[in-house]
Amino acid sequence: MLRFYYHPLSPISRRVWIALLEKALPFEPILVNLNGEQRKPKFLALNPFQYVPVLVDGDRRILESAAIMDYMEAKYPEPSLMPKSPEAIAQTPQSIEPVTLVEGLEHPWGIAWLPDGTMLVTERPGR
């Protein structure tokens, strides 16, 4: 069974979660507490860069949401998440990337991770 390491506030984790659901792949969701768990040896063994998402499929671990989705599409082609025409294939990333950017800008708060691992949440002016 696939193991999916994620955090619910991560838009890129949600992107992979949606793809897993759309492909109807059985997976074990594993919440990573980004208040320091990502710096512990167990998670560092999976991802030395200390971020989510991470997908583990048997002995293979895949980092980066785009790589994870490409991997799933290649290994589990049905149902396909990609259109068939070259024009539509080219349009897909052009549609996804602005949504990811806007999603981060639309929140009425700013989130920052401090060096000690605590999360700073502040309201944005004018919101």
N, C-alpha and C. Protein backbone atom coordinates (compact mmCIF):
# COMPACT_ATOMS: atom_id res chain seq x y z
N MET A 1 0.84 -1.19 0.00
CA MET A 1 0.00 0.00 0.00
C MET A 1 0.88 1.25 0.00
N LEU A 2 0.45 2.24 -0.73
CA LEU A 2 1.16 3.52 -0.77
C LEU A 2 1.07 4.20 0.59
N ARG A 3 2.16 4.86 0.96
CA ARG A 3 2.15 5.69 2.17
C ARG A 3 2.37 7.13 1.72
N PHE A 4 1.50 8.01 2.19
CA PHE A 4 1.52 9.40 1.76
C PHE A 4 1.75 10.30 2.97
N TYR A 5 2.91 10.94 3.00
CA TYR A 5 3.28 11.85 4.08
C TYR A 5 2.86 13.26 3.65
N TYR A 6 2.10 13.92 4.50
CA TYR A 6 1.48 15.18 4.10
C TYR A 6 1.28 16.10 5.31
N HIS A 7 0.88 17.32 5.04
CA HIS A 7 0.33 18.23 6.05
C HIS A 7 -0.87 18.91 5.41
N PRO A 8 -2.00 19.03 6.13
CA PRO A 8 -3.21 19.56 5.52
C PRO A 8 -3.12 21.03 5.10
N LEU A 9 -2.21 21.81 5.66
CA LEU A 9 -2.07 23.21 5.25
C LEU A 9 -1.19 23.37 4.03
N SER A 10 -0.62 22.28 3.55
CA SER A 10 0.27 22.34 2.39
C SER A 10 -0.55 22.19 1.10
N PRO A 11 -0.62 23.25 0.28
CA PRO A 11 -1.36 23.13 -0.98
C PRO A 11 -0.80 22.04 -1.89
N ILE A 12 0.51 21.85 -1.86
CA ILE A 12 1.08 20.82 -2.72
C ILE A 12 0.78 19.42 -2.20
N SER A 13 0.61 19.28 -0.88
CA SER A 13 0.15 18.00 -0.35
C SER A 13 -1.28 17.73 -0.80
N ARG A 14 -2.11 18.75 -0.76
CA ARG A 14 -3.51 18.57 -1.17
C ARG A 14 -3.61 18.20 -2.65
N ARG A 15 -2.73 18.75 -3.45
CA ARG A 15 -2.71 18.41 -4.89
C ARG A 15 -2.52 16.91 -5.07
N VAL A 16 -1.56 16.33 -4.34
CA VAL A 16 -1.29 14.90 -4.45
C VAL A 16 -2.45 14.10 -3.85
N TRP A 17 -2.99 14.56 -2.72
CA TRP A 17 -4.11 13.86 -2.08
C TRP A 17 -5.28 13.74 -3.06
N ILE A 18 -5.59 14.82 -3.73
CA ILE A 18 -6.69 14.80 -4.71
C ILE A 18 -6.40 13.81 -5.83
N ALA A 19 -5.17 13.79 -6.31
CA ALA A 19 -4.81 12.84 -7.38
C ALA A 19 -4.95 11.40 -6.90
N LEU A 20 -4.53 11.12 -5.67
CA LEU A 20 -4.68 9.77 -5.11
C LEU A 20 -6.16 9.38 -5.06
N LEU A 21 -7.00 10.30 -4.63
CA LEU A 21 -8.44 10.01 -4.57
C LEU A 21 -9.04 9.83 -5.96
N GLU A 22 -8.67 10.69 -6.89
CA GLU A 22 -9.19 10.60 -8.25
C GLU A 22 -8.79 9.29 -8.92
N LYS A 23 -7.60 8.81 -8.62
CA LYS A 23 -7.14 7.54 -9.19
C LYS A 23 -7.66 6.35 -8.39
N ALA A 24 -8.32 6.62 -7.27
CA ALA A 24 -8.87 5.58 -6.40
C ALA A 24 -7.80 4.60 -5.94
N LEU A 25 -6.61 5.15 -5.64
CA LEU A 25 -5.52 4.31 -5.16
C LEU A 25 -5.61 4.17 -3.65
N PRO A 26 -5.49 2.95 -3.13
CA PRO A 26 -5.46 2.80 -1.68
C PRO A 26 -4.15 3.36 -1.13
N PHE A 27 -4.24 4.15 -0.08
CA PHE A 27 -3.04 4.73 0.50
C PHE A 27 -3.24 4.97 1.99
N GLU A 28 -2.12 5.00 2.68
CA GLU A 28 -2.12 5.32 4.11
C GLU A 28 -1.68 6.77 4.26
N PRO A 29 -2.57 7.65 4.71
CA PRO A 29 -2.15 9.04 4.93
C PRO A 29 -1.40 9.15 6.25
N ILE A 30 -0.24 9.78 6.22
CA ILE A 30 0.58 9.95 7.42
C ILE A 30 0.83 11.44 7.61
N LEU A 31 0.19 11.99 8.63
CA LEU A 31 0.31 13.41 8.93
C LEU A 31 1.70 13.70 9.49
N VAL A 32 2.37 14.69 8.93
CA VAL A 32 3.68 15.12 9.43
C VAL A 32 3.47 16.45 10.14
N ASN A 33 3.76 16.48 11.43
CA ASN A 33 3.66 17.70 12.21
C ASN A 33 4.85 18.58 11.83
N LEU A 34 4.58 19.67 11.14
CA LEU A 34 5.66 20.54 10.65
C LEU A 34 6.20 21.47 11.73
N ASN A 35 5.94 21.13 12.96
CA ASN A 35 6.49 21.87 14.08
C ASN A 35 7.72 21.16 14.63
N GLY A 36 8.42 20.43 13.76
CA GLY A 36 9.66 19.78 14.15
C GLY A 36 9.78 18.32 13.76
N GLU A 37 8.65 17.65 13.51
CA GLU A 37 8.71 16.24 13.15
C GLU A 37 9.51 16.02 11.86
N GLN A 38 9.47 17.01 10.96
CA GLN A 38 10.18 16.88 9.68
C GLN A 38 11.69 16.91 9.86
N ARG A 39 12.17 17.28 11.04
CA ARG A 39 13.62 17.31 11.29
C ARG A 39 14.10 16.12 12.12
N LYS A 40 13.21 15.20 12.41
CA LYS A 40 13.58 14.01 13.19
C LYS A 40 14.14 12.95 12.25
N PRO A 41 15.03 12.09 12.79
CA PRO A 41 15.71 11.10 11.94
C PRO A 41 14.76 10.24 11.10
N LYS A 42 13.61 9.86 11.65
CA LYS A 42 12.70 8.99 10.90
C LYS A 42 12.23 9.67 9.61
N PHE A 43 11.87 10.95 9.69
CA PHE A 43 11.42 11.65 8.49
C PHE A 43 12.60 12.04 7.61
N LEU A 44 13.72 12.42 8.21
CA LEU A 44 14.90 12.77 7.42
C LEU A 44 15.36 11.61 6.55
N ALA A 45 15.14 10.38 7.02
CA ALA A 45 15.49 9.21 6.21
C ALA A 45 14.63 9.15 4.94
N LEU A 46 13.42 9.68 5.02
CA LEU A 46 12.54 9.73 3.85
C LEU A 46 12.84 10.92 2.97
N ASN A 47 13.05 12.07 3.60
CA ASN A 47 13.27 13.30 2.85
C ASN A 47 14.25 14.21 3.58
N PRO A 48 15.51 14.18 3.17
CA PRO A 48 16.51 15.02 3.84
C PRO A 48 16.26 16.52 3.65
N PHE A 49 15.36 16.88 2.74
CA PHE A 49 15.03 18.29 2.53
C PHE A 49 13.96 18.79 3.50
N GLN A 50 13.38 17.88 4.27
CA GLN A 50 12.48 18.21 5.39
C GLN A 50 11.15 18.83 4.98
N TYR A 51 10.56 18.39 3.88
CA TYR A 51 9.26 18.94 3.50
C TYR A 51 8.33 17.84 3.02
N VAL A 52 7.06 18.19 2.96
CA VAL A 52 6.03 17.31 2.41
C VAL A 52 5.58 17.89 1.08
N PRO A 53 5.02 17.06 0.23
CA PRO A 53 4.64 15.67 0.40
C PRO A 53 5.77 14.71 0.04
N VAL A 54 5.60 13.49 0.55
CA VAL A 54 6.46 12.37 0.18
C VAL A 54 5.53 11.18 -0.06
N LEU A 55 5.77 10.47 -1.14
CA LEU A 55 5.02 9.25 -1.43
C LEU A 55 5.99 8.09 -1.36
N VAL A 56 5.61 7.05 -0.61
CA VAL A 56 6.42 5.84 -0.53
C VAL A 56 5.62 4.71 -1.15
N ASP A 57 6.23 4.05 -2.14
CA ASP A 57 5.61 2.93 -2.84
C ASP A 57 6.60 1.78 -2.77
N GLY A 58 6.39 0.89 -1.80
CA GLY A 58 7.35 -0.19 -1.58
C GLY A 58 8.68 0.38 -1.11
N ASP A 59 9.75 0.09 -1.85
CA ASP A 59 11.07 0.59 -1.50
C ASP A 59 11.36 1.95 -2.14
N ARG A 60 10.47 2.44 -2.95
CA ARG A 60 10.70 3.69 -3.67
C ARG A 60 10.05 4.85 -2.92
N ARG A 61 10.79 5.94 -2.80
CA ARG A 61 10.22 7.16 -2.23
C ARG A 61 10.32 8.25 -3.27
N ILE A 62 9.26 9.02 -3.39
CA ILE A 62 9.20 10.07 -4.40
C ILE A 62 8.92 11.39 -3.69
N LEU A 63 9.73 12.39 -4.00
CA LEU A 63 9.59 13.73 -3.45
C LEU A 63 9.06 14.66 -4.54
N GLU A 64 8.54 15.79 -4.15
CA GLU A 64 8.04 16.82 -5.07
C GLU A 64 6.69 16.40 -5.65
N SER A 65 5.72 17.26 -5.51
CA SER A 65 4.36 16.92 -5.93
C SER A 65 4.27 16.60 -7.42
N ALA A 66 4.96 17.36 -8.26
CA ALA A 66 4.89 17.09 -9.71
C ALA A 66 5.49 15.73 -10.03
N ALA A 67 6.60 15.38 -9.39
CA ALA A 67 7.22 14.07 -9.61
C ALA A 67 6.31 12.95 -9.11
N ILE A 68 5.67 13.18 -7.98
CA ILE A 68 4.75 12.17 -7.44
C ILE A 68 3.60 11.94 -8.42
N MET A 69 3.04 13.01 -8.93
CA MET A 69 1.91 12.87 -9.84
C MET A 69 2.33 12.24 -11.17
N ASP A 70 3.51 12.59 -11.67
CA ASP A 70 4.02 11.94 -12.89
C ASP A 70 4.22 10.45 -12.64
N TYR A 71 4.78 10.11 -11.48
CA TYR A 71 5.01 8.71 -11.12
C TYR A 71 3.68 7.94 -11.08
N MET A 72 2.69 8.52 -10.39
CA MET A 72 1.39 7.84 -10.29
C MET A 72 0.76 7.66 -11.66
N GLU A 73 0.88 8.67 -12.50
CA GLU A 73 0.28 8.59 -13.84
C GLU A 73 0.96 7.49 -14.67
N ALA A 74 2.28 7.35 -14.52
CA ALA A 74 3.01 6.32 -15.27
C ALA A 74 2.76 4.92 -14.71
N LYS A 75 2.78 4.79 -13.39
CA LYS A 75 2.64 3.46 -12.78
C LYS A 75 1.19 3.00 -12.72
N TYR A 76 0.29 3.93 -12.52
CA TYR A 76 -1.14 3.62 -12.40
C TYR A 76 -1.89 4.46 -13.44
N PRO A 77 -1.82 4.07 -14.72
CA PRO A 77 -2.33 4.93 -15.79
C PRO A 77 -3.86 5.09 -15.84
N GLU A 78 -4.58 4.20 -15.21
CA GLU A 78 -6.05 4.30 -15.26
C GLU A 78 -6.62 4.48 -13.87
N PRO A 79 -7.52 5.39 -13.69
CA PRO A 79 -7.96 6.37 -14.68
C PRO A 79 -6.91 7.46 -14.86
N SER A 80 -6.78 7.92 -16.06
CA SER A 80 -5.78 8.94 -16.35
C SER A 80 -6.26 10.29 -15.84
N LEU A 81 -5.33 11.04 -15.30
CA LEU A 81 -5.63 12.41 -14.87
C LEU A 81 -5.25 13.42 -15.94
N MET A 82 -4.67 12.95 -17.02
CA MET A 82 -4.21 13.84 -18.08
C MET A 82 -5.12 13.71 -19.30
N PRO A 83 -5.34 14.81 -19.98
CA PRO A 83 -6.12 14.76 -21.22
C PRO A 83 -5.32 14.06 -22.31
N LYS A 84 -5.97 13.77 -23.42
CA LYS A 84 -5.32 13.05 -24.51
C LYS A 84 -4.68 13.96 -25.56
N SER A 85 -5.26 15.11 -25.82
CA SER A 85 -4.74 15.95 -26.90
C SER A 85 -3.50 16.73 -26.45
N PRO A 86 -2.54 16.93 -27.36
CA PRO A 86 -1.33 17.70 -27.02
C PRO A 86 -1.66 19.11 -26.53
N GLU A 87 -2.67 19.73 -27.12
CA GLU A 87 -3.03 21.09 -26.71
C GLU A 87 -3.53 21.11 -25.26
N ALA A 88 -4.36 20.16 -24.92
CA ALA A 88 -4.89 20.09 -23.55
C ALA A 88 -3.79 19.72 -22.56
N ILE A 89 -2.87 18.85 -22.98
CA ILE A 89 -1.74 18.50 -22.11
C ILE A 89 -0.91 19.74 -21.81
N ALA A 90 -0.67 20.56 -22.81
CA ALA A 90 0.10 21.79 -22.61
C ALA A 90 -0.65 22.77 -21.71
N GLN A 91 -1.96 22.78 -21.79
CA GLN A 91 -2.77 23.72 -21.01
C GLN A 91 -2.82 23.33 -19.53
N THR A 92 -2.68 22.05 -19.21
CA THR A 92 -2.85 21.58 -17.84
C THR A 92 -1.94 22.30 -16.85
N PRO A 93 -0.60 22.30 -17.03
CA PRO A 93 0.23 23.01 -16.05
C PRO A 93 -0.02 24.52 -16.05
N GLN A 94 -0.43 25.06 -17.18
CA GLN A 94 -0.73 26.49 -17.24
C GLN A 94 -1.96 26.81 -16.39
N SER A 95 -2.81 25.83 -16.18
CA SER A 95 -4.00 26.03 -15.35
C SER A 95 -3.71 25.75 -13.88
N ILE A 96 -2.85 24.78 -13.60
CA ILE A 96 -2.59 24.37 -12.23
C ILE A 96 -1.71 25.37 -11.48
N GLU A 97 -0.63 25.81 -12.07
CA GLU A 97 0.33 26.65 -11.36
C GLU A 97 -0.26 27.96 -10.85
N PRO A 98 -1.03 28.70 -11.66
CA PRO A 98 -1.62 29.93 -11.11
C PRO A 98 -2.56 29.67 -9.93
N VAL A 99 -3.28 28.54 -9.96
CA VAL A 99 -4.17 28.21 -8.85
C VAL A 99 -3.36 28.00 -7.58
N THR A 100 -2.24 27.31 -7.68
CA THR A 100 -1.38 27.08 -6.53
C THR A 100 -0.87 28.40 -5.98
N LEU A 101 -0.45 29.29 -6.85
CA LEU A 101 0.05 30.59 -6.42
C LEU A 101 -1.06 31.40 -5.76
N VAL A 102 -2.22 31.47 -6.39
CA VAL A 102 -3.32 32.27 -5.86
C VAL A 102 -3.80 31.69 -4.54
N GLU A 103 -3.82 30.38 -4.40
CA GLU A 103 -4.26 29.77 -3.16
C GLU A 103 -3.44 30.29 -2.00
N GLY A 104 -2.14 30.41 -2.19
CA GLY A 104 -1.28 30.95 -1.14
C GLY A 104 -1.53 32.41 -0.87
N LEU A 105 -1.91 33.18 -1.88
CA LEU A 105 -2.14 34.61 -1.71
C LEU A 105 -3.52 34.92 -1.13
N GLU A 106 -4.47 34.01 -1.29
CA GLU A 106 -5.84 34.28 -0.89
C GLU A 106 -6.08 34.14 0.61
N HIS A 107 -5.22 33.43 1.31
CA HIS A 107 -5.44 33.26 2.75
C HIS A 107 -5.33 34.60 3.46
N PRO A 108 -6.21 34.88 4.41
CA PRO A 108 -6.15 36.17 5.11
C PRO A 108 -5.08 36.20 6.19
N TRP A 109 -4.22 35.24 6.20
CA TRP A 109 -3.14 35.22 7.17
C TRP A 109 -1.85 34.84 6.48
N GLY A 110 -0.76 35.16 7.11
CA GLY A 110 0.55 34.75 6.60
C GLY A 110 1.11 33.71 7.54
N ILE A 111 1.76 32.72 7.01
CA ILE A 111 2.34 31.67 7.84
C ILE A 111 3.84 31.66 7.60
N ALA A 112 4.58 31.65 8.67
CA ALA A 112 6.04 31.58 8.56
C ALA A 112 6.54 30.61 9.61
N TRP A 113 7.58 29.89 9.28
CA TRP A 113 8.20 28.98 10.23
C TRP A 113 9.42 29.68 10.81
N LEU A 114 9.46 29.77 12.12
CA LEU A 114 10.58 30.41 12.80
C LEU A 114 11.72 29.41 12.95
N PRO A 115 12.95 29.88 13.18
CA PRO A 115 14.10 28.96 13.27
C PRO A 115 13.94 27.88 14.32
N ASP A 116 13.20 28.16 15.41
CA ASP A 116 13.02 27.13 16.44
C ASP A 116 11.93 26.13 16.09
N GLY A 117 11.32 26.27 14.91
CA GLY A 117 10.32 25.30 14.46
C GLY A 117 8.90 25.69 14.79
N THR A 118 8.70 26.80 15.51
CA THR A 118 7.34 27.21 15.81
C THR A 118 6.75 27.94 14.61
N MET A 119 5.44 27.92 14.56
CA MET A 119 4.75 28.54 13.43
C MET A 119 4.25 29.92 13.85
N LEU A 120 4.52 30.90 13.04
CA LEU A 120 4.04 32.25 13.27
C LEU A 120 2.90 32.50 12.30
N VAL A 121 1.74 32.84 12.83
CA VAL A 121 0.59 33.15 11.99
C VAL A 121 0.20 34.59 12.28
N THR A 122 0.15 35.40 11.25
CA THR A 122 -0.20 36.81 11.42
C THR A 122 -1.27 37.19 10.41
N GLU A 123 -2.12 38.13 10.80
CA GLU A 123 -3.09 38.66 9.84
C GLU A 123 -2.36 39.54 8.85
N ARG A 124 -2.83 39.52 7.63
CA ARG A 124 -2.26 40.39 6.61
C ARG A 124 -2.98 41.73 6.65
N PRO A 125 -2.26 42.83 6.49
CA PRO A 125 -2.91 44.14 6.48
C PRO A 125 -3.95 44.23 5.36
N GLY A 126 -5.04 44.91 5.67
CA GLY A 126 -6.06 45.13 4.65
C GLY A 126 -6.96 43.94 4.40
N ARG A 127 -6.89 42.93 5.21
CA ARG A 127 -7.72 41.73 5.00
C ARG A 127 -8.78 41.64 6.08
